């Protein structure tokens, strides 16, 4: 699915069943996307992501940062993180996304992929800290990358191509029935920042 133009109806559901994915096209202009990408790249408190798998600590090349309205605890991959306070730029983006989607968010997990060699394996964001069936808004900045969903039972796939400034929202039962991933690629040599605005249910 090639998504380089804003769809006529952003409320179209791109999943065939068992969940909801809306695509909003370009939330940001080219200039705005470039500004936020450069600012976040240099001013966010990035750290290499960590996971504990079968009791072994794994440190990834991909970097992450966790921000929120309160010092929320968020546990995934058996590692607990504490949210940092919002920056003015993250509040600006959160406000624009809330206006566009009609949803509200109290936290943001940011991912920094340095090039196409770094990606994310199949997973779902079903951690107990998150609001059940809540909306997760994904804003892409930087390099264009493919993004995919796969149904847990039928294995049916839905693929996207997301460019800098694109906004995609997944909600309802999506995390229960679908996996998603950012596949690695050898043809992308530039970094990408992905912001996932979400709601911690505390």
Protein backbone atom coordinates (compact mmCIF):
# COMPACT_ATOMS: atom_id res chain seq x y z
CA UNK A 1 0.00 0.00 0.00
CA UNK A 2 1.57 3.28 -1.13
CA UNK A 3 0.59 6.09 1.20
CA UNK A 4 2.22 9.24 -0.10
CA UNK A 5 -1.00 11.21 -0.49
CA UNK A 6 -3.58 12.12 2.10
CA UNK A 7 -6.60 9.80 1.71
CA UNK A 8 -10.01 11.29 1.01
CA UNK A 9 -11.35 9.77 4.22
CA UNK A 10 -8.89 9.25 7.06
CA UNK A 11 -11.58 7.28 8.90
CA UNK A 12 -11.23 4.42 6.45
CA UNK A 13 -10.23 1.27 8.34
CA UNK A 14 -7.22 -0.33 6.67
CA UNK A 15 -7.60 -3.59 8.60
CA UNK A 16 -10.11 -6.08 7.17
CA UNK A 17 -11.33 -7.25 10.59
CA UNK A 18 -10.53 -7.53 14.33
CA UNK A 19 -9.09 -4.06 14.76
CA UNK A 20 -8.88 -0.50 13.48
CA UNK A 21 -6.08 1.34 11.70
CA UNK A 22 -6.62 4.89 10.40
CA UNK A 23 -4.15 6.71 8.18
CA UNK A 24 -4.13 10.52 8.29
CA UNK A 25 -1.55 11.27 5.63
CA UNK A 26 0.87 14.12 6.20
CA UNK A 27 0.27 15.69 9.60
CA UNK A 28 3.36 17.86 9.06
CA UNK A 29 4.71 19.77 6.08
CA UNK A 30 8.12 18.85 4.68
CA UNK A 31 9.69 21.79 6.50
CA UNK A 32 7.97 21.00 9.80
CA UNK A 33 8.92 17.32 9.62
CA UNK A 34 12.56 18.25 8.96
CA UNK A 35 12.58 20.69 11.89
CA UNK A 36 11.11 18.21 14.40
CA UNK A 37 13.33 15.39 13.15
CA UNK A 38 16.51 17.46 13.62
CA UNK A 39 15.42 18.81 17.00
CA UNK A 40 14.39 15.44 18.43
CA UNK A 41 17.50 13.73 17.07
CA UNK A 42 19.75 16.11 19.00
CA UNK A 43 17.73 17.00 22.10
CA UNK A 44 15.84 13.88 23.19
CA UNK A 45 17.47 11.82 25.97
CA UNK A 46 18.08 8.74 23.85
CA UNK A 47 19.24 5.46 25.36
CA UNK A 48 19.92 2.08 23.80
CA UNK A 49 16.89 -0.11 24.27
CA UNK A 50 17.13 -3.08 26.62
CA UNK A 51 15.31 -6.38 26.86
CA UNK A 52 15.60 -9.38 29.16
CA UNK A 53 15.06 -12.60 27.20
CA UNK A 54 15.35 -15.95 28.98
CA UNK A 55 17.13 -14.17 31.80
CA UNK A 56 19.74 -12.61 29.51
CA UNK A 57 20.03 -8.84 29.13
CA UNK A 58 20.04 -7.71 25.50
CA UNK A 59 21.04 -4.18 24.45
CA UNK A 60 19.94 -3.07 20.99
CA UNK A 61 21.52 -0.57 18.60
CA UNK A 62 18.11 1.06 18.29
CA UNK A 63 17.61 3.85 20.81
CA UNK A 64 14.47 4.78 22.73
CA UNK A 65 13.10 7.46 25.01
CA UNK A 66 9.99 7.54 27.19
CA UNK A 67 8.13 10.77 28.04
CA UNK A 68 4.82 11.48 29.74
CA UNK A 69 2.50 13.71 31.73
CA UNK A 70 3.65 11.97 34.94
CA UNK A 71 6.69 9.80 35.78
CA UNK A 72 4.73 6.74 34.62
CA UNK A 73 6.18 3.27 34.91
CA UNK A 74 6.07 1.33 31.65
CA UNK A 75 7.26 -2.27 31.42
CA UNK A 76 7.94 -4.10 28.17
CA UNK A 77 10.48 -6.80 27.28
CA UNK A 78 10.77 -7.36 31.06
CA UNK A 79 12.37 -3.94 31.59
CA UNK A 80 10.67 -1.09 33.49
CA UNK A 81 11.12 2.51 32.37
CA UNK A 82 10.23 5.83 34.04
CA UNK A 83 8.71 8.60 31.92
CA UNK A 84 10.61 11.87 31.57
CA UNK A 85 8.64 15.16 31.61
CA UNK A 86 7.31 16.44 28.29
CA UNK A 87 9.48 18.78 26.23
CA UNK A 88 7.78 21.78 24.56
CA UNK A 89 8.23 20.18 21.13
CA UNK A 90 6.61 16.89 22.23
CA UNK A 91 3.67 18.83 23.68
CA UNK A 92 3.29 20.64 20.34
CA UNK A 93 3.18 17.35 18.46
CA UNK A 94 0.86 15.74 21.01
CA UNK A 95 -1.59 18.65 20.71
CA UNK A 96 -1.64 18.49 16.92
CA UNK A 97 -2.15 14.73 16.94
CA UNK A 98 -4.95 14.96 19.50
CA UNK A 99 -6.66 17.60 17.36
CA UNK A 100 -6.30 15.47 14.22
CA UNK A 101 -7.44 12.18 15.77
CA UNK A 102 -9.96 13.24 18.41
CA UNK A 103 -8.09 11.07 20.91
CA UNK A 104 -6.05 12.02 24.00
CA UNK A 105 -2.61 10.73 24.99
CA UNK A 106 -0.57 11.01 28.20
CA UNK A 107 2.75 9.50 27.12
CA UNK A 108 5.06 8.91 24.17
CA UNK A 109 7.59 6.19 23.40
CA UNK A 110 10.14 7.36 20.84
CA UNK A 111 12.29 5.02 18.74
CA UNK A 112 15.42 6.00 16.83
CA UNK A 113 16.47 3.71 13.97
CA UNK A 114 19.89 4.80 12.69
CA UNK A 115 19.45 3.15 9.27
CA UNK A 116 17.59 0.34 7.54
CA UNK A 117 19.61 -2.34 9.33
CA UNK A 118 17.67 -1.55 12.50
CA UNK A 119 14.02 -2.56 12.73
CA UNK A 120 11.46 -4.14 14.99
CA UNK A 121 10.34 -7.77 14.97
CA UNK A 122 6.69 -8.88 14.98
CA UNK A 123 5.02 -7.82 18.24
CA UNK A 124 1.89 -6.23 19.68
CA UNK A 125 1.64 -3.40 22.19
CA UNK A 126 -0.50 -5.21 24.71
CA UNK A 127 1.35 -4.37 27.90
CA UNK A 128 -0.78 -4.20 31.04
CA UNK A 129 0.25 -0.58 31.67
CA UNK A 130 -1.52 0.60 28.51
CA UNK A 131 -5.18 1.51 28.26
CA UNK A 132 -6.96 -1.57 26.91
CA UNK A 133 -8.01 -1.06 23.29
CA UNK A 134 -6.76 2.52 23.53
CA UNK A 135 -5.47 4.48 20.55
CA UNK A 136 -1.75 4.52 19.72
CA UNK A 137 -0.77 7.32 17.34
CA UNK A 138 2.38 6.69 15.32
CA UNK A 139 4.17 9.69 13.78
CA UNK A 140 7.05 9.02 11.36
CA UNK A 141 9.99 11.40 10.90
CA UNK A 142 13.05 10.97 8.71
CA UNK A 143 13.64 8.04 6.38
CA UNK A 144 10.73 6.39 4.58
CA UNK A 145 10.20 2.84 5.84
CA UNK A 146 7.82 -0.03 5.28
CA UNK A 147 5.49 -0.97 8.16
CA UNK A 148 3.40 -4.13 8.31
CA UNK A 149 0.55 -5.78 10.21
CA UNK A 150 -0.05 -9.54 10.44
CA UNK A 151 -3.15 -11.21 11.88
CA UNK A 152 -2.22 -13.58 14.71
CA UNK A 153 -4.56 -16.36 13.54
CA UNK A 154 -5.08 -16.00 9.78
CA UNK A 155 -1.56 -14.63 9.04
CA UNK A 156 -3.14 -12.11 6.65
CA UNK A 157 -0.87 -9.10 6.14
CA UNK A 158 -1.45 -5.40 5.55
CA UNK A 159 1.58 -3.39 4.44
CA UNK A 160 2.22 0.37 4.49
CA UNK A 161 4.94 2.71 3.28
CA UNK A 162 5.33 5.56 5.76
CA UNK A 163 7.13 8.80 4.90
CA UNK A 164 8.35 11.66 7.07
CA UNK A 165 5.36 13.49 8.57
CA UNK A 166 2.89 10.63 8.13
CA UNK A 167 0.46 9.85 10.96
CA UNK A 168 -1.09 6.41 11.51
CA UNK A 169 -3.36 5.39 14.40
CA UNK A 170 -4.10 1.85 15.61
CA UNK A 171 -6.83 1.24 18.17
CA UNK A 172 -9.74 -0.95 19.37
CA UNK A 173 -8.82 -4.67 19.24
CA UNK A 174 -5.79 -4.23 16.97
CA UNK A 175 -3.24 -5.22 19.64
CA UNK A 176 -5.27 -8.30 20.61
CA UNK A 177 -5.53 -9.77 17.12
CA UNK A 178 -2.71 -8.24 15.09
CA UNK A 179 1.08 -8.09 15.24
CA UNK A 180 3.07 -5.28 13.64
CA UNK A 181 6.70 -4.77 12.68
CA UNK A 182 9.25 -2.50 11.04
CA UNK A 183 11.22 -4.83 8.76
CA UNK A 184 14.94 -4.19 8.24
CA UNK A 185 16.09 -3.16 4.77
CA UNK A 186 19.44 -2.69 3.07
CA UNK A 187 18.27 0.14 0.82
CA UNK A 188 17.69 2.73 3.58
CA UNK A 189 20.81 4.51 4.79
CA UNK A 190 19.28 7.37 6.79
CA UNK A 191 17.79 7.51 10.31
CA UNK A 192 14.11 7.41 11.19
CA UNK A 193 12.40 8.59 14.36
CA UNK A 194 9.04 7.09 15.27
CA UNK A 195 6.91 8.67 17.98
CA UNK A 196 4.13 6.51 19.42
CA UNK A 197 1.74 8.55 21.53
CA UNK A 198 -0.26 6.33 23.87
CA UNK A 199 -2.23 6.27 27.14
CA UNK A 200 -0.97 4.74 30.36
CA UNK A 201 -3.96 3.54 32.37
CA UNK A 202 -3.09 4.39 35.99
